[in-house]
N, C-alpha and C. Protein backbone atom coordinates (compact mmCIF):
# COMPACT_ATOMS: atom_id res chain seq x y z
N MET A 1 117.89 187.69 339.19
CA MET A 1 118.25 187.77 340.34
C MET A 1 117.87 187.06 341.67
N PRO A 2 116.17 186.31 341.43
CA PRO A 2 115.95 185.44 342.67
C PRO A 2 116.57 184.49 342.77
N GLN A 3 117.31 183.74 341.76
CA GLN A 3 117.95 182.71 342.23
C GLN A 3 119.34 182.81 342.86
N ARG A 4 119.80 183.95 342.71
CA ARG A 4 120.96 184.59 343.39
C ARG A 4 120.83 184.58 344.71
N GLU A 5 119.44 185.18 345.51
CA GLU A 5 119.37 185.09 346.73
C GLU A 5 119.53 184.35 347.60
N PRO A 6 118.91 183.00 347.11
CA PRO A 6 119.20 182.05 348.14
C PRO A 6 120.82 181.24 348.31
N ARG A 7 121.28 181.59 346.91
CA ARG A 7 122.55 180.76 347.23
C ARG A 7 123.58 181.90 348.20
N SER A 8 123.01 183.17 347.99
CA SER A 8 124.08 184.20 348.98
C SER A 8 123.51 183.75 350.36
N ARG A 9 122.11 183.97 350.72
CA ARG A 9 122.13 183.75 352.01
C ARG A 9 122.56 182.38 352.40
N GLU A 10 122.48 181.36 351.68
CA GLU A 10 123.01 179.91 352.13
C GLU A 10 124.54 179.78 352.33
N ARG A 11 125.25 180.89 351.18
CA ARG A 11 126.38 180.90 351.70
C ARG A 11 126.84 181.56 353.05
N ILE A 12 125.97 182.50 353.22
CA ILE A 12 126.14 183.02 354.55
C ILE A 12 126.03 182.03 355.88
N VAL A 13 124.84 181.44 355.41
CA VAL A 13 124.61 180.80 356.82
C VAL A 13 125.86 179.27 356.78
N VAL A 14 126.24 178.77 355.70
CA VAL A 14 127.30 178.18 355.93
C VAL A 14 128.49 178.58 356.31
N GLY A 15 129.02 179.61 355.65
CA GLY A 15 130.11 180.18 356.50
C GLY A 15 130.06 180.85 357.68
N ALA A 16 128.84 180.93 358.25
CA ALA A 16 128.57 181.07 360.08
C ALA A 16 128.40 179.84 360.64
N ALA A 17 128.11 178.79 360.07
CA ALA A 17 128.17 177.39 360.94
C ALA A 17 129.64 177.10 360.88
N ASP A 18 130.53 177.21 359.68
CA ASP A 18 131.85 176.84 359.77
C ASP A 18 132.49 177.84 360.80
N LEU A 19 132.51 179.11 360.77
CA LEU A 19 133.09 180.09 361.66
C LEU A 19 132.71 179.65 363.47
N ILE A 20 131.78 179.27 363.47
CA ILE A 20 131.39 179.07 364.54
C ILE A 20 131.68 177.63 365.38
N ARG A 21 131.83 176.81 364.26
CA ARG A 21 132.32 175.35 364.90
C ARG A 21 133.74 175.46 365.02
N ARG A 22 134.34 176.86 364.90
CA ARG A 22 135.98 176.78 364.59
C ARG A 22 136.15 177.59 366.21
N ARG A 23 135.36 179.07 365.97
CA ARG A 23 135.59 179.91 367.14
C ARG A 23 134.52 179.94 368.02
N GLY A 24 133.61 179.65 367.92
CA GLY A 24 132.20 179.75 368.95
C GLY A 24 131.32 181.14 368.41
N LEU A 25 130.43 181.10 369.25
CA LEU A 25 129.88 182.18 368.94
C LEU A 25 130.02 183.52 369.43
N ALA A 26 130.59 183.52 370.82
CA ALA A 26 130.85 184.54 371.16
C ALA A 26 132.34 185.29 370.71
N GLY A 27 133.21 184.63 370.21
CA GLY A 27 133.98 184.72 369.41
C GLY A 27 134.07 185.28 368.15
N SER A 28 132.89 185.49 367.53
CA SER A 28 132.64 185.74 366.46
C SER A 28 131.63 187.07 366.03
N THR A 29 132.17 188.09 365.43
CA THR A 29 130.81 189.27 365.05
C THR A 29 130.27 188.95 364.03
N VAL A 30 129.24 189.75 363.91
CA VAL A 30 128.61 189.76 362.67
C VAL A 30 129.78 190.08 361.31
N ARG A 31 130.42 190.80 361.87
CA ARG A 31 131.45 191.11 360.83
C ARG A 31 132.26 189.94 360.32
N ASP A 32 132.42 189.53 361.35
CA ASP A 32 133.73 188.20 361.30
C ASP A 32 132.95 187.11 360.48
N LEU A 33 131.70 186.85 360.66
CA LEU A 33 130.46 185.93 360.04
C LEU A 33 130.47 186.23 358.74
N ALA A 34 130.09 187.57 358.17
CA ALA A 34 129.87 187.63 357.01
C ALA A 34 131.17 187.85 356.02
N ALA A 35 132.24 188.22 356.83
CA ALA A 35 133.61 188.28 356.12
C ALA A 35 133.98 186.66 356.01
N HIS A 36 133.86 185.65 357.02
CA HIS A 36 133.87 184.41 356.61
C HIS A 36 133.52 183.79 355.34
N SER A 37 132.30 184.21 355.26
CA SER A 37 131.17 183.66 354.03
C SER A 37 131.72 184.67 352.57
N GLY A 38 132.53 185.59 352.92
CA GLY A 38 132.77 186.16 351.75
C GLY A 38 131.75 187.17 351.60
N ALA A 39 130.71 187.29 351.98
CA ALA A 39 129.29 188.30 351.86
C ALA A 39 129.95 189.71 352.58
N PRO A 40 129.28 190.66 351.89
CA PRO A 40 129.07 191.71 352.49
C PRO A 40 128.35 192.12 353.87
N LEU A 41 129.01 192.89 354.55
CA LEU A 41 128.03 192.92 355.69
C LEU A 41 126.79 193.57 355.47
N GLY A 42 126.52 194.19 354.73
CA GLY A 42 124.96 194.61 354.39
C GLY A 42 124.05 193.73 353.86
N SER A 43 124.74 192.66 353.11
CA SER A 43 123.93 191.39 352.39
C SER A 43 123.80 190.77 354.34
N THR A 44 124.48 190.80 354.84
CA THR A 44 124.34 190.09 355.73
C THR A 44 123.00 190.53 356.76
N TYR A 45 123.23 191.69 357.16
CA TYR A 45 122.23 192.22 357.69
C TYR A 45 120.61 192.38 357.12
N HIS A 46 121.05 192.18 355.76
CA HIS A 46 119.65 192.53 354.82
C HIS A 46 118.90 190.98 355.08
N TYR A 47 119.57 189.94 355.32
CA TYR A 47 119.09 188.25 355.57
C TYR A 47 118.95 188.22 356.61
N PHE A 48 119.58 188.99 357.39
CA PHE A 48 119.39 188.58 358.87
C PHE A 48 119.01 189.68 359.87
N PRO A 49 117.96 190.31 359.59
CA PRO A 49 118.08 191.72 360.24
C PRO A 49 118.04 191.58 361.98
N ARG A 50 117.78 190.47 362.47
CA ARG A 50 117.84 190.47 363.65
C ARG A 50 119.21 190.22 364.21
N GLY A 51 120.15 190.41 363.26
CA GLY A 51 121.54 190.05 363.59
C GLY A 51 122.32 188.82 364.15
N LYS A 52 123.15 188.74 364.75
CA LYS A 52 123.98 187.52 365.16
C LYS A 52 123.39 186.57 365.57
N GLN A 53 122.30 186.62 366.45
CA GLN A 53 121.28 185.51 367.37
C GLN A 53 120.49 184.83 366.08
N GLN A 54 120.04 185.67 365.05
CA GLN A 54 119.40 185.11 364.00
C GLN A 54 120.50 184.27 363.09
N LEU A 55 121.18 184.78 362.84
CA LEU A 55 122.18 184.04 361.97
C LEU A 55 122.90 182.88 362.51
N ALA A 56 123.08 183.09 363.74
CA ALA A 56 123.56 181.64 364.46
C ALA A 56 122.84 180.66 364.57
N ALA A 57 121.56 181.13 364.65
CA ALA A 57 120.18 179.83 364.82
C ALA A 57 119.98 179.32 363.42
N GLU A 58 120.26 180.05 362.30
CA GLU A 58 120.36 179.48 361.19
C GLU A 58 121.13 178.45 360.94
N ALA A 59 122.21 179.24 361.22
CA ALA A 59 123.51 178.00 360.92
C ALA A 59 123.71 176.79 361.94
N VAL A 60 123.08 177.01 363.28
CA VAL A 60 122.92 175.82 363.77
C VAL A 60 121.91 174.70 363.38
N ARG A 61 120.78 175.42 362.65
CA ARG A 61 119.86 174.57 362.23
C ARG A 61 120.41 173.82 360.97
N PHE A 62 121.03 174.49 360.15
CA PHE A 62 121.75 174.16 358.89
C PHE A 62 122.60 172.95 359.42
N ALA A 63 123.29 173.18 360.25
CA ALA A 63 124.28 172.09 360.66
C ALA A 63 123.68 171.03 361.02
N GLY A 64 122.61 171.09 361.87
CA GLY A 64 121.71 170.08 362.24
C GLY A 64 121.08 169.15 361.31
N ASP A 65 120.45 169.97 360.28
CA ASP A 65 119.84 169.01 359.35
C ASP A 65 120.99 168.19 358.77
N MET A 66 121.97 168.81 358.26
CA MET A 66 123.11 167.80 357.45
C MET A 66 123.30 166.97 358.23
N VAL A 67 123.37 166.89 359.75
CA VAL A 67 123.65 165.60 360.35
C VAL A 67 122.31 164.92 360.59
N THR A 68 121.26 165.37 360.56
CA THR A 68 120.12 164.73 360.76
C THR A 68 119.70 163.80 359.34
N ARG A 69 120.25 164.21 358.24
CA ARG A 69 120.03 163.65 357.01
C ARG A 69 120.65 162.38 357.06
N VAL A 70 122.08 162.34 357.64
CA VAL A 70 123.00 161.20 357.53
C VAL A 70 122.61 160.38 358.43
N LEU A 71 121.97 160.68 359.83
CA LEU A 71 121.16 160.04 360.67
C LEU A 71 120.22 159.11 360.33
N GLU A 72 119.32 159.83 359.50
CA GLU A 72 118.12 159.18 359.22
C GLU A 72 118.38 158.22 358.00
N ARG A 73 119.67 158.42 357.14
CA ARG A 73 119.86 157.52 356.01
C ARG A 73 120.61 156.31 356.69
N GLU A 74 121.50 156.47 357.75
CA GLU A 74 121.96 155.22 358.12
C GLU A 74 121.24 154.50 359.31
N LEU A 75 120.31 155.41 360.00
CA LEU A 75 119.66 154.40 361.15
C LEU A 75 118.41 153.59 360.22
N GLU A 76 118.20 153.70 359.33
CA GLU A 76 117.52 152.54 358.26
C GLU A 76 118.03 151.41 358.49
N VAL A 77 119.23 151.23 358.52
CA VAL A 77 119.84 149.94 358.75
C VAL A 77 120.19 149.52 359.85
N GLY A 78 119.87 150.65 360.98
CA GLY A 78 119.92 150.20 362.21
C GLY A 78 120.52 151.16 363.46
N PRO A 79 120.36 150.92 364.56
CA PRO A 79 120.88 152.22 365.38
C PRO A 79 122.49 151.75 365.31
N ALA A 80 123.39 150.65 365.15
CA ALA A 80 124.54 150.77 365.22
C ALA A 80 125.07 150.96 364.07
N ALA A 81 124.33 151.02 363.03
CA ALA A 81 124.95 152.02 361.57
C ALA A 81 124.82 153.49 362.07
N GLY A 82 123.72 153.71 362.37
CA GLY A 82 123.17 155.44 363.06
C GLY A 82 124.62 155.69 363.87
N LEU A 83 124.79 154.98 364.91
CA LEU A 83 126.00 155.54 365.84
C LEU A 83 127.27 155.61 364.97
N ARG A 84 127.64 154.48 364.19
CA ARG A 84 128.99 154.67 363.26
C ARG A 84 129.00 156.04 362.68
N ALA A 85 128.07 156.24 362.08
CA ALA A 85 127.62 157.12 360.93
C ALA A 85 127.90 158.33 361.65
N PHE A 86 127.52 158.85 363.00
CA PHE A 86 127.57 159.81 363.95
C PHE A 86 128.69 159.98 364.17
N LEU A 87 129.54 159.09 364.61
CA LEU A 87 130.90 159.46 365.15
C LEU A 87 131.66 159.38 363.91
N ALA A 88 131.54 158.74 362.80
CA ALA A 88 132.32 159.13 361.80
C ALA A 88 132.32 160.79 361.23
N LEU A 89 131.32 160.85 360.91
CA LEU A 89 130.99 162.34 360.72
C LEU A 89 131.92 163.55 361.70
N TRP A 90 131.85 163.23 362.74
CA TRP A 90 132.41 164.22 363.76
C TRP A 90 134.06 163.90 363.85
N ARG A 91 134.26 162.55 363.63
CA ARG A 91 135.81 161.92 363.41
C ARG A 91 136.59 162.75 362.58
N GLN A 92 135.95 162.57 361.19
CA GLN A 92 136.02 163.33 360.14
C GLN A 92 136.53 165.05 360.17
N THR A 93 135.12 165.45 360.96
CA THR A 93 135.55 166.91 361.01
C THR A 93 136.76 167.51 361.75
N VAL A 94 137.11 166.73 363.01
CA VAL A 94 138.02 166.91 363.75
C VAL A 94 139.82 166.69 362.91
N ILE A 95 139.49 165.45 361.94
CA ILE A 95 140.79 165.22 361.56
C ILE A 95 140.80 166.59 360.70
N ASP A 96 139.99 166.70 359.63
CA ASP A 96 139.91 167.28 358.36
C ASP A 96 140.75 168.81 358.81
N SER A 97 139.99 169.08 360.13
CA SER A 97 140.38 170.57 360.39
C SER A 97 141.57 170.84 361.18
N ASP A 98 142.23 169.36 361.66
CA ASP A 98 143.56 169.48 362.43
C ASP A 98 143.02 169.90 363.84
N PHE A 99 141.93 169.54 364.15
CA PHE A 99 141.56 169.58 365.69
C PHE A 99 141.24 171.22 365.96
N THR A 100 140.95 171.54 364.64
CA THR A 100 140.34 173.14 365.20
C THR A 100 138.41 173.38 365.04
N ALA A 101 138.32 172.44 364.29
CA ALA A 101 136.66 172.46 364.25
C ALA A 101 135.87 171.58 365.21
N GLY A 102 134.84 171.68 365.47
CA GLY A 102 133.88 170.99 366.27
C GLY A 102 132.47 170.77 365.82
N CYS A 103 131.71 170.92 366.45
CA CYS A 103 130.24 170.90 365.99
C CYS A 103 129.80 172.48 366.45
N PRO A 104 129.14 172.98 365.72
CA PRO A 104 128.51 174.35 365.76
C PRO A 104 127.39 174.33 366.79
N VAL A 105 126.85 173.65 367.03
CA VAL A 105 125.46 173.36 367.75
C VAL A 105 125.80 173.06 369.03
N LEU A 106 127.45 172.68 369.44
CA LEU A 106 127.64 172.32 370.93
C LEU A 106 128.32 173.78 371.09
N ALA A 107 128.72 174.33 370.17
CA ALA A 107 129.62 175.63 370.38
C ALA A 107 128.55 176.59 370.90
N VAL A 108 127.52 176.67 370.40
CA VAL A 108 126.48 177.69 370.69
C VAL A 108 125.69 177.37 371.82
N ALA A 109 125.48 175.92 372.34
CA ALA A 109 124.98 175.62 373.46
C ALA A 109 125.88 175.76 374.53
N VAL A 110 127.14 175.86 374.69
CA VAL A 110 127.69 175.67 375.77
C VAL A 110 128.00 177.59 376.16
N GLU A 111 127.47 178.43 375.30
CA GLU A 111 127.78 179.78 375.30
C GLU A 111 126.49 180.52 375.99
N GLU A 112 126.85 181.49 377.11
CA GLU A 112 125.52 181.96 377.59
C GLU A 112 125.13 183.13 376.64
N PRO A 113 123.87 183.18 376.48
CA PRO A 113 123.28 184.28 375.73
C PRO A 113 123.32 185.59 376.13
N PRO A 114 123.62 186.48 375.31
CA PRO A 114 123.92 187.93 376.14
C PRO A 114 122.82 188.27 376.93
N ASP A 115 121.76 188.11 376.75
CA ASP A 115 120.35 188.29 377.53
C ASP A 115 119.16 187.69 377.34
N ASP A 116 118.76 187.64 378.33
CA ASP A 116 117.02 186.53 377.90
C ASP A 116 116.41 186.71 376.77
N THR A 117 116.40 187.75 376.21
CA THR A 117 115.65 188.08 374.79
C THR A 117 116.71 187.52 373.57
N ALA A 118 117.82 187.30 373.77
CA ALA A 118 118.70 186.65 372.72
C ALA A 118 119.06 185.26 373.12
N ARG A 119 117.91 184.64 372.81
CA ARG A 119 118.15 183.20 373.05
C ARG A 119 117.87 182.32 371.59
N GLU A 120 117.89 182.79 370.88
CA GLU A 120 117.22 182.22 369.33
C GLU A 120 118.37 181.27 369.14
N ALA A 121 119.58 181.49 369.05
CA ALA A 121 120.71 180.35 369.09
C ALA A 121 120.50 179.45 369.67
N ILE A 122 120.82 179.66 371.31
CA ILE A 122 120.74 178.45 372.21
C ILE A 122 119.41 177.56 371.74
N THR A 123 118.19 178.20 371.78
CA THR A 123 116.69 177.31 371.28
C THR A 123 116.92 176.62 370.46
N ALA A 124 117.84 176.97 369.07
CA ALA A 124 117.96 176.13 367.64
C ALA A 124 118.75 174.95 368.46
N ALA A 125 119.96 175.34 369.30
CA ALA A 125 120.92 174.35 369.60
C ALA A 125 119.64 173.24 370.29
N ALA A 126 119.31 173.63 371.06
CA ALA A 126 118.36 172.59 372.09
C ALA A 126 117.51 171.75 370.92
N GLU A 127 116.72 172.64 370.10
CA GLU A 127 115.92 171.52 369.13
C GLU A 127 116.66 170.69 368.30
N VAL A 128 118.35 170.92 367.87
CA VAL A 128 118.88 170.13 367.08
C VAL A 128 119.11 168.97 368.02
N PHE A 129 119.80 168.91 368.90
CA PHE A 129 120.16 168.18 370.15
C PHE A 129 118.92 167.18 370.48
N THR A 130 117.64 167.89 370.58
CA THR A 130 116.28 166.87 370.45
C THR A 130 116.14 166.13 369.28
N ALA A 131 116.23 166.36 368.01
CA ALA A 131 115.88 165.80 367.18
C ALA A 131 116.97 164.34 366.84
N TRP A 132 117.96 164.91 367.13
CA TRP A 132 119.03 163.84 367.01
C TRP A 132 118.80 162.71 367.94
N GLU A 133 118.48 163.08 369.41
CA GLU A 133 118.21 161.99 370.50
C GLU A 133 116.87 161.59 370.00
N GLY A 134 115.91 162.13 369.58
CA GLY A 134 114.58 161.28 368.99
C GLY A 134 114.89 160.25 367.72
N LEU A 135 115.67 160.57 366.79
CA LEU A 135 116.19 159.74 365.86
C LEU A 135 116.69 158.77 366.32
N LEU A 136 117.80 158.81 367.14
CA LEU A 136 118.63 157.76 367.98
C LEU A 136 117.59 156.99 368.90
N SER A 137 116.75 157.34 369.74
CA SER A 137 115.78 156.56 370.37
C SER A 137 114.93 155.75 369.63
N ALA A 138 114.18 156.22 368.83
CA ALA A 138 113.15 155.63 367.65
C ALA A 138 113.80 154.30 367.30
N SER A 139 114.97 154.61 366.76
CA SER A 139 115.71 153.53 366.29
C SER A 139 116.01 152.46 367.08
N LEU A 140 116.30 152.87 368.33
CA LEU A 140 116.30 151.76 369.19
C LEU A 140 115.50 151.15 369.75
N ARG A 141 114.39 152.02 369.95
CA ARG A 141 113.11 151.04 369.97
C ARG A 141 112.67 150.33 369.22
N ASP A 142 112.73 150.62 367.70
CA ASP A 142 112.27 149.93 366.70
C ASP A 142 113.02 148.68 366.76
N ARG A 143 114.39 148.67 367.14
CA ARG A 143 115.24 147.33 367.26
C ARG A 143 114.86 146.34 368.60
N GLY A 144 114.19 146.87 369.40
CA GLY A 144 113.85 146.20 370.39
C GLY A 144 114.31 146.98 371.88
N ALA A 145 114.62 147.62 371.84
CA ALA A 145 115.25 148.33 372.93
C ALA A 145 113.92 148.81 373.99
N ALA A 146 114.27 148.99 375.55
CA ALA A 146 112.78 149.43 375.95
C ALA A 146 112.61 150.73 375.56
N PRO A 147 111.44 151.14 375.90
CA PRO A 147 111.24 153.03 375.64
C PRO A 147 112.44 153.99 376.55
N GLU A 148 112.10 153.22 378.03
CA GLU A 148 113.23 154.38 378.83
C GLU A 148 114.90 154.23 378.32
N GLN A 149 114.69 153.17 378.20
CA GLN A 149 116.35 152.73 377.86
C GLN A 149 116.75 153.36 376.59
N ALA A 150 115.78 153.39 375.75
CA ALA A 150 116.24 153.79 374.34
C ALA A 150 116.19 155.38 374.55
N VAL A 151 115.44 156.00 375.32
CA VAL A 151 115.51 157.75 375.44
C VAL A 151 116.91 158.05 376.03
N ARG A 152 116.96 157.51 377.20
CA ARG A 152 118.28 157.33 377.97
C ARG A 152 119.79 157.03 376.97
N LEU A 153 119.55 156.14 376.45
CA LEU A 153 120.88 155.86 375.53
C LEU A 153 120.93 156.66 374.48
N ALA A 154 120.03 157.18 374.10
CA ALA A 154 119.83 158.30 372.91
C ALA A 154 120.41 159.61 373.56
N ALA A 155 120.40 159.89 374.60
CA ALA A 155 120.77 161.20 375.02
C ALA A 155 122.32 160.95 375.39
N LEU A 156 122.75 159.52 375.99
CA LEU A 156 123.97 159.80 376.41
C LEU A 156 124.97 159.71 374.92
N ILE A 157 124.50 159.12 373.89
CA ILE A 157 124.92 158.97 372.92
C ILE A 157 125.68 160.27 371.96
N VAL A 158 124.44 161.32 372.23
CA VAL A 158 124.65 162.44 371.34
C VAL A 158 125.57 163.35 372.47
N ALA A 159 125.37 163.00 373.99
CA ALA A 159 126.34 163.70 374.88
C ALA A 159 127.62 163.52 375.36
N ALA A 160 128.04 162.11 374.77
CA ALA A 160 129.17 161.44 374.96
C ALA A 160 129.82 161.96 373.16
N VAL A 161 128.85 161.80 372.28
CA VAL A 161 130.20 162.06 371.23
C VAL A 161 130.34 163.60 370.98
N GLU A 162 129.51 164.40 371.52
CA GLU A 162 129.83 165.99 371.62
C GLU A 162 130.88 166.12 372.30
N GLY A 163 130.99 165.80 373.70
CA GLY A 163 132.01 165.57 374.73
C GLY A 163 133.19 165.39 374.03
N GLY A 164 133.20 164.13 373.24
CA GLY A 164 134.01 163.33 373.02
C GLY A 164 134.88 164.14 371.81
N VAL A 165 134.07 165.26 371.22
CA VAL A 165 134.63 166.29 370.15
C VAL A 165 135.77 167.27 370.70
N ALA A 166 134.80 167.57 371.58
CA ALA A 166 135.58 168.85 372.67
C ALA A 166 136.76 168.42 373.32
N MET A 167 136.61 166.84 373.68
CA MET A 167 137.79 166.33 374.29
C MET A 167 139.15 166.34 373.26
N CYS A 168 138.67 165.88 371.88
CA CYS A 168 139.61 165.49 370.81
C CYS A 168 140.35 166.90 370.54
N ARG A 169 139.28 168.20 370.36
CA ARG A 169 140.08 169.14 370.18
C ARG A 169 140.98 169.77 371.26
N ALA A 170 140.68 169.51 372.64
CA ALA A 170 141.54 170.18 373.26
C ALA A 170 142.79 169.58 373.53
N LYS A 171 142.99 168.29 373.20
CA LYS A 171 144.01 167.34 373.45
C LYS A 171 144.89 167.24 372.10
N ARG A 172 144.23 167.65 371.09
CA ARG A 172 144.58 167.50 369.66
C ARG A 172 145.12 165.80 369.36
N ASP A 173 144.03 165.11 369.65
CA ASP A 173 144.22 163.64 369.60
C ASP A 173 142.93 163.24 369.47
N ILE A 174 142.55 162.22 368.30
CA ILE A 174 141.35 161.51 368.27
C ILE A 174 140.60 160.36 369.27
N GLN A 175 142.02 160.13 369.92
CA GLN A 175 141.56 158.81 370.80
C GLN A 175 140.45 158.85 371.88
N PRO A 176 139.93 160.06 372.20
CA PRO A 176 138.64 159.88 373.07
C PRO A 176 137.60 160.04 372.33
N LEU A 177 137.27 160.37 371.27
CA LEU A 177 136.38 159.89 370.09
C LEU A 177 136.52 158.06 370.10
N ASP A 178 137.50 157.82 369.63
CA ASP A 178 137.61 156.22 369.23
C ASP A 178 137.14 155.60 370.90
N ASP A 179 137.48 155.91 371.49
CA ASP A 179 137.58 155.25 373.04
C ASP A 179 135.44 155.39 373.18
N ILE A 180 135.21 156.41 372.94
CA ILE A 180 133.71 156.49 373.33
C ILE A 180 132.90 155.41 372.16
N ALA A 181 133.64 155.74 371.29
CA ALA A 181 132.76 154.75 369.95
C ALA A 181 133.09 153.57 370.45
N ALA A 182 133.68 152.95 370.93
CA ALA A 182 133.98 151.50 371.40
C ALA A 182 133.33 151.18 372.51
N GLN A 183 132.91 152.33 373.59
CA GLN A 183 131.54 151.81 374.54
C GLN A 183 130.31 151.87 374.18
N LEU A 184 130.30 153.09 373.31
CA LEU A 184 128.87 153.23 372.67
C LEU A 184 128.10 152.02 371.88
N GLU A 185 128.98 151.50 371.44
CA GLU A 185 128.75 150.84 370.56
C GLU A 185 128.64 148.92 371.26
N ILE A 186 129.13 149.08 372.18
CA ILE A 186 128.76 148.13 373.21
C ILE A 186 127.31 147.95 373.83
N LEU A 187 127.17 149.42 374.02
CA LEU A 187 125.65 149.72 374.53
C LEU A 187 124.31 149.39 373.86
N VAL A 188 124.93 150.17 372.57
CA VAL A 188 123.89 149.80 371.79
C VAL A 188 123.70 148.38 371.26
N HIS A 189 124.65 147.51 371.19
CA HIS A 189 124.26 145.76 371.16
C HIS A 189 123.64 145.26 372.02
N THR A 190 123.65 145.85 373.27
CA THR A 190 123.21 145.28 374.54
C THR A 190 121.89 145.67 374.52
N ALA A 191 121.73 146.69 374.27
CA ALA A 191 120.31 147.34 374.60
C ALA A 191 119.14 146.77 373.37
N VAL A 192 119.76 146.09 372.07
CA VAL A 192 118.74 145.73 371.13
C VAL A 192 118.79 144.55 370.93
N THR A 193 117.75 144.09 370.12
CA THR A 193 117.60 142.70 370.06
C THR A 193 117.73 142.20 368.41
N GLU A 194 118.23 143.13 367.41
CA GLU A 194 118.10 142.98 366.35
C GLU A 194 118.50 141.48 366.22
């Protein structure tokens, strides 16, 4: 039985991340999140006794960690490779979902928490964005970008890509993300001395 618990819990988190990236947090109840993962509602409350905010926070961290692993691997080659991988990941997500899914981190970040005590999910989103920016910024600095420029460019990359994903979904067209990719690539190459 101890081996089943992590898989059940993880299945709920993965399902929640998927539903949030499609519907947003406000458009998903705990019952919806449980049903989407195929888990009984009771199991969901067992693993996430604080409810929807706790589950959403864990789903955001899960999605953030998946992207972080891709970034860490590709940034070893350099910031341009990391940028390309970051863009490719979101491009594939949008295309594979036929423009119905985006980033669960952004989905949570743009929604107002129900009250000041229920900020768990939005706090997790801020942590994920900060982690991505930190990885990109460090890679840019390591390849010769000035520290302040690296910080600003990293923030621009995350913001542009996340905004590009939203634009693609709204327009049902991948072109905004492709246009952003081309411009960011120029900025990265200008900033580094590789």
